[in-house]
């Protein structure tokens, strides 16, 4: 019986640690904007984050740049999903 109690307490502690580790939306946004601003071809892309869901918007020259921006966002810590609303000029 004691083993189950200790296991339950351990699971609770791990769950709390995982929830506390989740980065805030502002930190996610800052990380993605930093990546995007360091790439000249992606300048003009806007980033919004709500509950870990990233929305990219703006106008880029071609589809490849749009894909690169999306991949950068997806690879950022704390991102749950990416909505890519970037338009191609």
N, C-alpha and C. Protein backbone atom coordinates (compact mmCIF):
# COMPACT_ATOMS: atom_id res chain seq x y z
N UNK A 1 0.81 -1.20 0.00
CA UNK A 1 0.00 0.00 0.00
C UNK A 1 0.86 1.26 0.00
N UNK A 2 1.95 1.26 0.79
CA UNK A 2 2.83 2.41 0.86
C UNK A 2 3.46 2.70 -0.50
N UNK A 3 3.79 1.65 -1.23
CA UNK A 3 4.43 1.83 -2.54
C UNK A 3 3.50 2.59 -3.48
N UNK A 4 2.21 2.29 -3.44
CA UNK A 4 1.25 2.99 -4.30
C UNK A 4 1.11 4.45 -3.90
N UNK A 5 1.16 4.72 -2.62
CA UNK A 5 1.07 6.10 -2.13
C UNK A 5 2.27 6.89 -2.61
N UNK A 6 3.47 6.31 -2.47
CA UNK A 6 4.68 7.00 -2.93
C UNK A 6 4.66 7.20 -4.44
N UNK A 7 4.18 6.22 -5.15
CA UNK A 7 4.08 6.33 -6.61
C UNK A 7 3.12 7.43 -7.02
N UNK A 8 1.99 7.53 -6.32
CA UNK A 8 1.01 8.58 -6.61
C UNK A 8 1.58 9.96 -6.31
N UNK A 9 2.29 10.09 -5.21
CA UNK A 9 2.91 11.38 -4.87
C UNK A 9 3.96 11.75 -5.90
N UNK A 10 4.78 10.79 -6.30
CA UNK A 10 5.80 11.03 -7.31
C UNK A 10 5.17 11.48 -8.63
N UNK A 11 4.10 10.81 -9.05
CA UNK A 11 3.41 11.18 -10.30
C UNK A 11 2.85 12.59 -10.21
N UNK A 12 2.32 12.96 -9.06
CA UNK A 12 1.78 14.30 -8.86
C UNK A 12 2.88 15.34 -8.97
N UNK A 13 4.02 15.09 -8.35
CA UNK A 13 5.14 16.02 -8.41
C UNK A 13 5.64 16.19 -9.84
N UNK A 14 5.74 15.11 -10.57
CA UNK A 14 6.19 15.18 -11.98
C UNK A 14 5.19 15.97 -12.81
N UNK A 15 3.90 15.75 -12.59
CA UNK A 15 2.87 16.48 -13.34
C UNK A 15 2.95 17.98 -13.09
N UNK A 16 3.14 18.35 -11.85
CA UNK A 16 3.25 19.78 -11.51
C UNK A 16 4.49 20.37 -12.15
N UNK A 17 5.58 19.65 -12.14
CA UNK A 17 6.83 20.14 -12.76
C UNK A 17 6.66 20.34 -14.26
N UNK A 18 5.98 19.44 -14.92
CA UNK A 18 5.76 19.56 -16.37
C UNK A 18 4.89 20.77 -16.67
N UNK A 19 3.84 20.97 -15.90
CA UNK A 19 2.96 22.12 -16.12
C UNK A 19 3.72 23.42 -15.87
N UNK A 20 4.54 23.47 -14.83
CA UNK A 20 5.29 24.68 -14.51
C UNK A 20 6.36 24.96 -15.56
N UNK A 21 6.87 23.94 -16.23
CA UNK A 21 7.93 24.10 -17.22
C UNK A 21 7.42 24.74 -18.51
N UNK A 22 6.15 24.62 -18.80
CA UNK A 22 5.58 25.14 -20.04
C UNK A 22 5.89 26.64 -20.18
N UNK A 23 6.52 27.03 -21.30
CA UNK A 23 6.86 28.45 -21.47
C UNK A 23 5.61 29.31 -21.70
N UNK A 24 5.70 30.55 -21.30
CA UNK A 24 4.61 31.49 -21.51
C UNK A 24 4.54 31.90 -22.97
N UNK A 25 3.37 32.35 -23.40
CA UNK A 25 3.18 32.78 -24.78
C UNK A 25 4.16 33.88 -25.18
N UNK A 26 4.42 34.80 -24.27
CA UNK A 26 5.34 35.90 -24.57
C UNK A 26 6.75 35.39 -24.85
N UNK A 27 7.18 34.35 -24.13
CA UNK A 27 8.50 33.77 -24.36
C UNK A 27 8.55 33.04 -25.70
N UNK A 28 7.48 32.35 -26.04
CA UNK A 28 7.40 31.65 -27.32
C UNK A 28 7.47 32.68 -28.46
N UNK A 29 6.69 33.74 -28.33
CA UNK A 29 6.66 34.79 -29.36
C UNK A 29 8.04 35.41 -29.54
N UNK A 30 8.70 35.72 -28.45
CA UNK A 30 10.02 36.33 -28.51
C UNK A 30 11.02 35.42 -29.21
N UNK A 31 10.98 34.13 -28.91
CA UNK A 31 11.90 33.18 -29.54
C UNK A 31 11.67 33.10 -31.05
N UNK A 32 10.41 33.01 -31.46
CA UNK A 32 10.10 32.91 -32.89
C UNK A 32 10.45 34.20 -33.61
N UNK A 33 10.10 35.35 -33.03
CA UNK A 33 10.43 36.63 -33.66
C UNK A 33 11.94 36.81 -33.81
N UNK A 34 12.69 36.33 -32.84
CA UNK A 34 14.15 36.40 -32.92
C UNK A 34 14.68 35.58 -34.10
N UNK A 35 14.14 34.38 -34.25
CA UNK A 35 14.56 33.52 -35.37
C UNK A 35 14.19 34.15 -36.71
N UNK A 36 12.97 34.65 -36.81
CA UNK A 36 12.49 35.21 -38.07
C UNK A 36 13.23 36.49 -38.43
N UNK A 37 13.50 37.34 -37.45
CA UNK A 37 14.16 38.61 -37.73
C UNK A 37 15.62 38.42 -38.15
N UNK A 38 16.19 37.27 -37.82
CA UNK A 38 17.58 37.01 -38.22
C UNK A 38 17.68 36.49 -39.65
N UNK A 39 16.54 36.31 -40.31
CA UNK A 39 16.51 35.83 -41.70
C UNK A 39 15.87 36.92 -42.57
N UNK A 40 16.69 37.56 -43.40
CA UNK A 40 16.21 38.70 -44.20
C UNK A 40 14.98 38.37 -45.04
N UNK A 41 14.92 37.18 -45.61
CA UNK A 41 13.81 36.83 -46.50
C UNK A 41 12.48 36.67 -45.76
N UNK A 42 12.51 36.63 -44.42
CA UNK A 42 11.28 36.44 -43.63
C UNK A 42 10.82 37.72 -42.95
N UNK A 43 11.56 38.80 -43.13
CA UNK A 43 11.18 40.06 -42.48
C UNK A 43 9.82 40.51 -43.00
N UNK A 44 9.01 41.03 -42.12
CA UNK A 44 7.65 41.41 -42.47
C UNK A 44 6.64 40.37 -42.00
N UNK A 45 7.13 39.28 -41.43
CA UNK A 45 6.25 38.25 -40.89
C UNK A 45 5.88 38.63 -39.46
N UNK A 46 4.60 38.57 -39.15
CA UNK A 46 4.16 38.86 -37.79
C UNK A 46 3.84 37.56 -37.06
N UNK A 47 4.04 37.58 -35.77
CA UNK A 47 3.85 36.39 -34.94
C UNK A 47 2.90 36.73 -33.79
N UNK A 48 1.89 35.91 -33.61
CA UNK A 48 1.00 36.02 -32.46
C UNK A 48 0.91 34.63 -31.82
N UNK A 49 0.83 34.61 -30.50
CA UNK A 49 0.77 33.34 -29.78
C UNK A 49 -0.34 33.41 -28.74
N UNK A 50 -1.18 32.39 -28.73
CA UNK A 50 -2.23 32.29 -27.73
C UNK A 50 -2.33 30.84 -27.27
N UNK A 51 -2.05 30.61 -26.00
CA UNK A 51 -2.09 29.27 -25.42
C UNK A 51 -1.21 28.28 -26.18
N UNK A 52 -0.05 28.74 -26.62
CA UNK A 52 0.89 27.88 -27.32
C UNK A 52 0.61 27.69 -28.80
N UNK A 53 -0.47 28.29 -29.29
CA UNK A 53 -0.81 28.19 -30.71
C UNK A 53 -0.29 29.45 -31.40
N UNK A 54 0.59 29.25 -32.37
CA UNK A 54 1.24 30.34 -33.06
C UNK A 54 0.50 30.65 -34.36
N UNK A 55 0.27 31.95 -34.61
CA UNK A 55 -0.30 32.39 -35.88
C UNK A 55 0.72 33.26 -36.57
N UNK A 56 1.09 32.86 -37.78
CA UNK A 56 2.02 33.63 -38.61
C UNK A 56 1.21 34.37 -39.67
N UNK A 57 1.58 35.63 -39.92
CA UNK A 57 0.90 36.42 -40.95
C UNK A 57 1.92 37.31 -41.63
N UNK A 58 1.50 37.91 -42.73
CA UNK A 58 2.38 38.80 -43.48
C UNK A 58 2.43 38.42 -44.94
N UNK A 59 3.36 39.03 -45.65
CA UNK A 59 3.54 38.78 -47.08
C UNK A 59 4.99 38.42 -47.36
N UNK A 60 5.19 37.31 -48.05
CA UNK A 60 6.54 36.88 -48.43
C UNK A 60 6.61 36.66 -49.93
N UNK A 61 7.83 36.57 -50.44
CA UNK A 61 8.04 36.50 -51.89
C UNK A 61 7.68 35.16 -52.51
N UNK A 62 7.89 34.06 -51.77
CA UNK A 62 7.57 32.76 -52.37
C UNK A 62 7.17 31.73 -51.32
N UNK A 63 6.70 30.61 -51.81
CA UNK A 63 6.18 29.55 -50.95
C UNK A 63 7.26 28.95 -50.05
N UNK A 64 8.48 28.87 -50.55
CA UNK A 64 9.57 28.29 -49.75
C UNK A 64 9.81 29.10 -48.48
N UNK A 65 9.76 30.42 -48.58
CA UNK A 65 9.94 31.27 -47.40
C UNK A 65 8.81 31.03 -46.40
N UNK A 66 7.62 30.85 -46.90
CA UNK A 66 6.46 30.58 -46.04
C UNK A 66 6.67 29.28 -45.27
N UNK A 67 7.18 28.26 -45.94
CA UNK A 67 7.44 26.97 -45.32
C UNK A 67 8.55 27.08 -44.28
N UNK A 68 9.60 27.84 -44.60
CA UNK A 68 10.71 28.04 -43.65
C UNK A 68 10.21 28.71 -42.37
N UNK A 69 9.39 29.74 -42.52
CA UNK A 69 8.85 30.44 -41.34
C UNK A 69 8.03 29.49 -40.48
N UNK A 70 7.22 28.67 -41.11
CA UNK A 70 6.40 27.71 -40.36
C UNK A 70 7.26 26.69 -39.63
N UNK A 71 8.31 26.19 -40.29
CA UNK A 71 9.20 25.22 -39.64
C UNK A 71 9.91 25.84 -38.45
N UNK A 72 10.34 27.10 -38.60
CA UNK A 72 11.00 27.79 -37.48
C UNK A 72 10.05 27.87 -36.28
N UNK A 73 8.81 28.19 -36.55
CA UNK A 73 7.83 28.30 -35.47
C UNK A 73 7.58 26.93 -34.83
N UNK A 74 7.40 25.91 -35.63
CA UNK A 74 7.10 24.56 -35.11
C UNK A 74 8.23 24.02 -34.24
N UNK A 75 9.46 24.41 -34.55
CA UNK A 75 10.62 23.90 -33.81
C UNK A 75 10.90 24.68 -32.54
N UNK A 76 10.10 25.67 -32.25
CA UNK A 76 10.32 26.47 -31.05
C UNK A 76 9.69 25.78 -29.84
N UNK A 77 10.34 25.93 -28.71
CA UNK A 77 9.90 25.28 -27.48
C UNK A 77 8.55 25.82 -27.03
N UNK A 78 7.65 24.93 -26.70
CA UNK A 78 6.34 25.30 -26.17
C UNK A 78 5.24 25.45 -27.21
N UNK A 79 5.58 25.32 -28.49
CA UNK A 79 4.59 25.48 -29.55
C UNK A 79 3.73 24.21 -29.64
N UNK A 80 2.42 24.42 -29.60
CA UNK A 80 1.48 23.32 -29.72
C UNK A 80 1.08 23.12 -31.18
N UNK A 81 0.82 24.24 -31.86
CA UNK A 81 0.39 24.20 -33.27
C UNK A 81 0.75 25.52 -33.94
N UNK A 82 0.79 25.50 -35.27
CA UNK A 82 1.09 26.71 -36.04
C UNK A 82 -0.01 26.91 -37.08
N UNK A 83 -0.58 28.12 -37.11
CA UNK A 83 -1.54 28.50 -38.13
C UNK A 83 -0.80 29.48 -39.05
N UNK A 84 -0.60 29.06 -40.28
CA UNK A 84 0.22 29.86 -41.21
C UNK A 84 -0.71 30.63 -42.15
N UNK A 85 -0.85 31.95 -41.90
CA UNK A 85 -1.68 32.82 -42.71
C UNK A 85 -0.83 33.72 -43.60
N UNK A 86 0.43 33.36 -43.80
CA UNK A 86 1.33 34.15 -44.64
C UNK A 86 0.85 34.07 -46.08
N UNK A 87 0.83 35.22 -46.75
CA UNK A 87 0.42 35.30 -48.15
C UNK A 87 1.66 35.45 -49.02
N UNK A 88 1.56 34.94 -50.24
CA UNK A 88 2.66 35.02 -51.20
C UNK A 88 2.38 36.15 -52.18
N UNK A 89 3.37 37.04 -52.32
CA UNK A 89 3.22 38.15 -53.29
C UNK A 89 3.61 37.70 -54.68
